[in-house]
Amino acid sequence: MGIIPVVLIVLIAIAWILGIIWAMKTGKEQKMTRRSAILGSLITGFAGWVFAINSMLDGEEIGAGLCLFASAMAFGVIALLAIKQ
């Protein structure tokens, strides 16, 4: 597994988080936005775990750490949405 999937998963996680923060600050958070954020965060979170396992098996610990970081941010968005509700 190369660096491109790792960078991709991190960028996706950052985009989801920025989108959710924007929606919460502008007051445009609606039911569909919340569902979309939860679905995207779940996909990003679990994809981060899969990529982290692949990276560890290939011996790339830094890539695995970045994937786990993106996964933790994605699951953190779900926790933030649950607390806000």
Protein backbone atom coordinates (compact mmCIF):
# COMPACT_ATOMS: atom_id res chain seq x y z
CA MET A 1 0.00 0.00 0.00
CA GLY A 2 1.47 3.30 -1.04
CA ILE A 3 1.18 6.78 0.33
CA ILE A 4 -1.66 7.82 -2.00
CA PRO A 5 -4.46 5.86 -0.23
CA VAL A 6 -3.21 7.12 3.13
CA VAL A 7 -3.26 10.74 2.00
CA LEU A 8 -6.65 10.19 0.39
CA ILE A 9 -8.27 8.85 3.56
CA VAL A 10 -6.83 11.71 5.63
CA LEU A 11 -8.10 14.31 3.15
CA ILE A 12 -11.56 12.75 3.10
CA ALA A 13 -11.71 12.82 6.90
CA ILE A 14 -10.63 16.46 7.01
CA ALA A 15 -13.22 17.41 4.38
CA TRP A 16 -16.02 15.72 6.34
CA ILE A 17 -15.00 17.40 9.57
CA LEU A 18 -14.76 20.85 8.00
CA GLY A 19 -18.15 20.36 6.37
CA ILE A 20 -19.76 19.43 9.67
CA ILE A 21 -18.14 22.33 11.51
CA TRP A 22 -19.34 24.72 8.81
CA ALA A 23 -22.88 23.35 9.00
CA MET A 24 -22.92 23.68 12.79
CA LYS A 25 -21.54 27.23 12.84
CA THR A 26 -23.80 28.62 10.12
CA GLY A 27 -26.93 27.07 11.63
CA LYS A 28 -27.68 25.21 8.42
CA GLU A 29 -27.51 21.85 10.08
CA GLN A 30 -30.52 19.86 8.99
CA LYS A 31 -31.62 16.28 9.28
CA MET A 32 -30.09 15.32 5.92
CA THR A 33 -26.81 16.99 6.78
CA ARG A 34 -26.65 15.02 10.02
CA ARG A 35 -27.39 11.72 8.27
CA SER A 36 -24.85 12.46 5.55
CA ALA A 37 -22.23 13.32 8.15
CA ILE A 38 -22.84 10.12 10.10
CA LEU A 39 -22.76 7.95 6.97
CA GLY A 40 -19.60 9.61 5.66
CA SER A 41 -17.92 9.38 9.04
CA LEU A 42 -18.73 5.69 9.35
CA ILE A 43 -17.35 4.99 5.88
CA THR A 44 -14.22 7.04 6.56
CA GLY A 45 -13.74 5.49 10.00
CA PHE A 46 -13.99 1.90 8.87
CA ALA A 47 -11.95 2.54 5.71
CA GLY A 48 -9.26 4.03 7.95
CA TRP A 49 -9.13 0.83 9.98
CA VAL A 50 -8.90 -1.32 6.83
CA PHE A 51 -6.12 0.83 5.40
CA ALA A 52 -4.33 0.87 8.76
CA ILE A 53 -4.32 -2.93 8.92
CA ASN A 54 -3.02 -3.11 5.34
CA SER A 55 -0.31 -0.58 6.14
CA MET A 56 0.78 -2.49 9.23
CA LEU A 57 0.98 -5.72 7.26
CA ASP A 58 3.18 -3.95 4.69
CA GLY A 59 5.41 -2.58 7.44
CA GLU A 60 4.45 1.07 7.00
CA GLU A 61 3.75 2.19 10.54
CA ILE A 62 3.54 5.90 9.71
CA GLY A 63 0.86 5.26 7.10
CA ALA A 64 -1.05 3.14 9.60
CA GLY A 65 -0.85 5.92 12.15
CA LEU A 66 -2.22 8.46 9.68
CA CYS A 67 -5.09 6.14 8.78
CA LEU A 68 -5.92 5.61 12.45
CA PHE A 69 -5.78 9.38 12.98
CA ALA A 70 -8.29 9.93 10.17
CA SER A 71 -10.45 7.16 11.59
CA ALA A 72 -10.39 8.69 15.05
CA MET A 73 -11.38 12.09 13.64
CA ALA A 74 -14.26 10.51 11.74
CA PHE A 75 -15.57 8.69 14.79
CA GLY A 76 -15.11 11.91 16.77
CA VAL A 77 -17.53 13.65 14.39
CA ILE A 78 -20.13 11.00 15.20
CA ALA A 79 -19.58 11.59 18.91
CA LEU A 80 -19.85 15.35 18.40
CA LEU A 81 -23.14 14.95 16.55
CA ALA A 82 -24.47 12.62 19.25
CA ILE A 83 -23.60 15.09 22.01
CA LYS A 84 -25.06 18.05 20.11
CA GLN A 85 -28.36 16.24 19.59
